[in-house]
Protein backbone atom coordinates (compact mmCIF):
# COMPACT_ATOMS: atom_id res chain seq x y z
CA MET A 1 -84.62 16.13 -25.87
CA LEU A 2 -81.42 18.22 -27.45
CA THR A 3 -81.78 20.84 -24.93
CA SER A 4 -81.52 17.74 -21.75
CA LEU A 5 -78.47 16.04 -23.97
CA LEU A 6 -76.73 19.58 -24.15
CA ILE A 7 -77.51 20.04 -20.42
CA THR A 8 -75.99 16.98 -19.29
CA LEU A 9 -72.59 17.50 -21.61
CA ALA A 10 -72.16 20.93 -19.73
CA LEU A 11 -72.47 19.56 -16.63
CA LEU A 12 -69.77 16.81 -17.28
CA PRO A 13 -66.25 17.80 -15.64
CA ALA A 14 -63.58 18.92 -17.81
CA PRO A 15 -61.25 16.71 -18.95
CA PRO A 16 -57.66 16.85 -17.39
CA THR A 17 -54.89 18.50 -19.44
CA LEU A 18 -51.17 17.60 -19.74
CA GLY A 19 -49.82 19.96 -17.15
CA SER A 20 -52.11 18.52 -14.30
CA LEU A 21 -51.10 14.83 -15.09
CA PRO A 22 -48.95 13.54 -12.35
CA ALA A 23 -45.41 12.85 -13.63
CA PRO A 24 -44.34 9.28 -14.15
CA ALA A 25 -42.40 7.95 -11.51
CA THR A 26 -38.75 7.00 -11.65
CA VAL A 27 -37.01 4.38 -10.88
CA ALA A 28 -33.47 4.69 -9.14
CA PRO A 29 -31.09 2.61 -10.87
CA GLN A 30 -29.51 -0.33 -8.80
CA PRO A 31 -26.19 -1.49 -8.62
CA ALA A 32 -25.37 -5.05 -10.71
CA ALA A 33 -26.51 -8.37 -8.66
CA ALA A 34 -23.41 -10.03 -7.88
CA PRO A 35 -23.36 -14.25 -8.81
CA GLY A 36 -25.14 -15.46 -5.12
CA GLY A 37 -27.92 -12.76 -5.87
CA GLN A 38 -27.19 -10.20 -3.91
CA ALA A 39 -26.63 -6.17 -4.57
CA GLN A 40 -22.52 -5.83 -5.58
CA ALA A 41 -21.53 -2.06 -4.61
CA SER A 42 -18.31 -1.16 -5.66
CA PRO A 43 -15.97 -0.02 -3.69
CA SER A 44 -15.35 2.98 -2.66
CA PHE A 45 -11.91 2.99 -2.36
CA PRO A 46 -10.80 1.19 -5.53
CA ALA A 47 -7.17 -0.04 -6.67
CA TRP A 48 -4.59 2.43 -7.95
CA PRO A 49 -4.69 3.27 -11.59
CA ALA A 50 -1.44 2.85 -13.57
CA GLY A 51 0.92 5.70 -13.28
CA THR A 52 0.00 6.82 -9.38
CA VAL A 53 3.48 7.83 -7.86
CA GLU A 54 4.05 7.07 -3.89
CA ILE A 55 5.72 9.18 -1.90
CA GLY A 56 6.60 8.19 1.83
CA GLY A 57 8.84 8.16 4.60
CA LEU A 58 8.85 5.51 7.47
CA GLY A 59 11.52 4.22 10.55
CA GLY A 60 11.61 2.23 13.28
CA TYR A 61 13.76 -0.48 14.83
CA GLY A 62 14.64 -3.70 15.15
CA THR A 63 16.91 -6.78 17.04
CA GLY A 64 19.49 -8.89 15.57
CA VAL A 65 22.46 -11.51 15.69
CA VAL A 66 25.76 -11.20 13.80
CA TYR A 67 26.25 -14.63 12.24
CA ASP A 68 30.18 -14.66 14.25
CA PRO A 69 30.87 -17.88 16.03
CA GLN A 70 29.66 -16.51 19.34
CA ARG A 71 25.85 -15.12 17.33
CA THR A 72 26.37 -11.92 18.85
CA PRO A 73 23.28 -9.85 19.82
CA THR A 74 22.61 -6.50 18.71
CA SER A 75 20.11 -3.80 16.99
CA VAL A 76 18.94 -1.85 13.74
CA ALA A 77 17.67 1.76 13.45
CA LEU A 78 16.35 2.49 9.74
CA LEU A 79 14.82 5.87 8.59
CA ALA A 80 13.65 5.43 4.85
CA GLY A 81 12.10 7.86 2.07
CA ARG A 82 10.00 5.97 -0.07
CA VAL A 83 9.22 7.15 -3.94
CA ALA A 84 7.43 3.96 -5.50
CA VAL A 85 5.22 3.56 -9.29
CA HIS A 86 2.53 1.92 -9.43
CA PHE A 87 1.67 -0.33 -12.26
CA GLY A 88 -2.04 -1.93 -12.56
CA PRO A 89 -4.81 -2.10 -11.33
CA LEU A 90 -4.07 -6.58 -11.68
CA ALA A 91 -6.09 -9.48 -11.53
CA ASP A 92 -9.76 -9.87 -10.72
CA GLY A 93 -11.68 -10.10 -6.92
CA TRP A 94 -10.33 -10.23 -4.19
CA LEU A 95 -6.50 -10.53 -5.72
CA GLN A 96 -7.00 -6.95 -7.50
CA GLY A 97 -4.05 -5.12 -6.60
CA ASN A 98 -0.93 -3.10 -7.55
CA VAL A 99 2.91 -4.28 -8.61
CA ALA A 100 5.34 -1.24 -7.84
CA ILE A 101 8.57 -0.50 -7.98
CA VAL A 102 9.89 0.94 -4.87
CA LEU A 103 13.41 2.91 -4.32
CA GLU A 104 13.94 3.82 -0.85
CA GLY A 105 16.81 6.10 0.70
CA VAL A 106 17.95 4.42 4.04
CA ALA A 107 19.81 5.87 6.69
CA MET A 108 20.97 3.43 9.45
CA THR A 109 22.38 2.71 13.08
CA ILE A 110 24.07 -0.29 13.79
CA ASP A 111 24.80 -1.45 17.79
CA GLN A 112 28.30 -2.45 17.80
CA GLU A 113 31.17 -1.67 19.48
CA PRO A 114 32.15 0.78 17.72
CA ARG A 115 28.83 1.83 16.75
CA ALA A 116 28.43 2.28 12.96
CA ARG A 117 26.38 4.55 11.03
CA GLY A 118 25.49 5.17 7.34
CA GLY A 119 23.06 5.12 4.41
CA GLY A 120 22.02 3.52 1.30
CA LEU A 121 19.76 2.71 -1.08
CA ASN A 122 17.42 0.20 -1.49
CA LEU A 123 15.20 -1.41 -4.63
CA LEU A 124 12.02 -3.47 -3.65
CA PHE A 125 9.30 -5.29 -5.66
CA ARG A 126 6.17 -4.82 -3.91
CA TYR A 127 2.31 -5.93 -4.88
CA THR A 128 -0.64 -4.60 -2.53
CA TRP A 129 -3.65 -5.93 -2.62
CA ALA A 130 -7.08 -3.24 -3.22
CA ALA A 131 -8.84 -4.35 -0.36
CA ASP A 132 -11.01 -0.75 -0.34
CA ARG A 133 -9.60 1.53 2.80
CA TRP A 134 -6.80 -1.74 3.90
CA ARG A 135 -4.13 -2.33 1.49
CA PRO A 136 -1.82 -5.43 2.52
CA SER A 137 1.13 -6.39 0.80
CA PHE A 138 4.47 -8.42 0.70
CA PHE A 139 7.72 -7.24 -0.92
CA ALA A 140 11.06 -8.45 -1.47
CA GLY A 141 14.38 -6.95 -2.66
CA ALA A 142 18.20 -5.79 -1.76
CA GLY A 143 20.36 -2.87 -1.54
CA ALA A 144 23.40 -1.19 -0.59
CA LEU A 145 25.10 0.31 2.79
CA PHE A 146 28.08 2.13 2.91
CA THR A 147 28.98 2.55 6.44
CA ASP A 148 31.49 4.78 8.42
CA GLU A 149 33.31 2.03 10.88
CA PRO A 150 33.09 -1.57 9.37
CA VAL A 151 30.02 -3.99 10.02
CA PRO A 152 30.08 -6.40 11.78
CA PRO A 153 33.50 -4.97 13.26
CA GLY A 154 36.61 -6.41 11.56
CA GLU A 155 34.51 -6.68 8.05
CA THR A 156 33.65 -4.42 5.71
CA GLU A 157 32.36 -0.46 5.49
CA ARG A 158 30.20 -1.71 1.97
CA ASN A 159 27.65 -4.14 2.69
CA TYR A 160 24.69 -5.63 0.52
CA MET A 161 20.90 -5.76 1.88
CA PRO A 162 18.34 -8.53 0.90
CA GLN A 163 15.36 -8.25 2.43
CA ALA A 164 11.81 -9.49 2.28
CA GLY A 165 8.73 -8.48 4.49
CA ILE A 166 4.92 -7.64 4.54
CA GLY A 167 3.03 -4.56 5.18
CA LEU A 168 -0.33 -3.42 5.94
CA GLN A 169 -1.64 0.22 5.13
CA TYR A 170 -4.68 2.15 5.35
CA LEU A 171 -6.38 4.65 3.58
CA VAL A 172 -7.01 7.87 5.96
CA GLY A 173 -8.12 9.63 2.14
CA GLU A 174 -7.93 8.91 -1.25
CA ARG A 175 -4.31 10.46 -1.24
CA VAL A 176 -3.16 9.97 2.13
CA ALA A 177 -2.47 6.15 3.96
CA VAL A 178 -0.62 5.43 7.22
CA GLY A 179 0.60 2.05 8.10
CA GLY A 180 3.34 -0.21 9.12
CA GLU A 181 5.54 -3.59 7.99
CA TYR A 182 7.75 -6.21 9.33
CA ARG A 183 10.94 -6.63 7.30
CA PHE A 184 13.57 -9.37 7.26
CA HIS A 185 16.91 -7.57 6.80
CA HIS A 186 20.47 -9.41 6.24
CA ILE A 187 23.49 -7.26 6.17
CA SER A 188 26.53 -8.86 4.51
CA ASN A 189 29.81 -8.12 2.22
CA ASN A 190 28.93 -11.39 -0.35
CA GLY A 191 32.19 -12.56 0.38
CA GLN A 192 34.65 -9.84 0.19
CA THR A 193 36.26 -11.13 3.20
CA GLU A 194 36.83 -14.74 4.67
CA SER A 195 34.56 -14.87 7.63
CA ASN A 196 31.95 -12.78 6.21
CA PRO A 197 29.71 -13.46 8.95
CA GLY A 198 26.48 -11.01 8.56
CA ILE A 199 23.74 -9.45 10.45
CA ASN A 200 19.70 -10.95 10.33
CA SER A 201 17.55 -8.30 12.00
CA HIS A 202 13.53 -8.47 12.30
CA LEU A 203 12.67 -4.75 12.11
CA LEU A 204 9.17 -3.02 12.74
CA LEU A 205 8.38 0.03 10.70
CA PHE A 206 5.72 2.63 10.61
CA GLY A 207 5.08 5.44 8.47
CA VAL A 208 3.22 7.21 6.06
CA SER A 209 2.45 7.31 2.18
CA TRP A 210 1.21 10.50 -0.32
CA PHE A 211 -0.47 9.34 -3.64
CA ARG A 212 -0.53 11.11 -6.89
């Protein structure tokens, strides 16, 4: 009897060792579910952190009207170098974006007789939505312009430039964006002369920006 029990125990398979046990299955973390029940992944290009500096250049052309009695048509060509400091990110959801203070150095040519060329500075305030790679924006501000000929003819060589517009940038990389903008641009001398006709122009500008 004892001999039979020993033979039976000897024929039983050996218990598995720790090394031979299968590894426990791991579960990959899942993105947090949105209120609607679907998973919400974080954007690959989030809003710029506070303190981001943008350095860029843009240029373009537009048509305008001199608001003298004849409503004389004219045109304006503009080149600008831009430095912007971003604050944010601000707001939540689809409103999230950055407020920026933008300083531009501009060179301009005004098509008139005689042709006027000059330069100046713009100070703009801009809000940019952080829609992943696409960055729509709106902006407004003013500047000062100094030219080699009176603008319009017979007025002054020092003028002011209130302006506003909308823009769209596309991030081709984490630190480089290309884009364009529409800008309503006004030139006048703020009443330094009695007539002060001024020029209203519609500009289309294109450029590139680097972020650091």
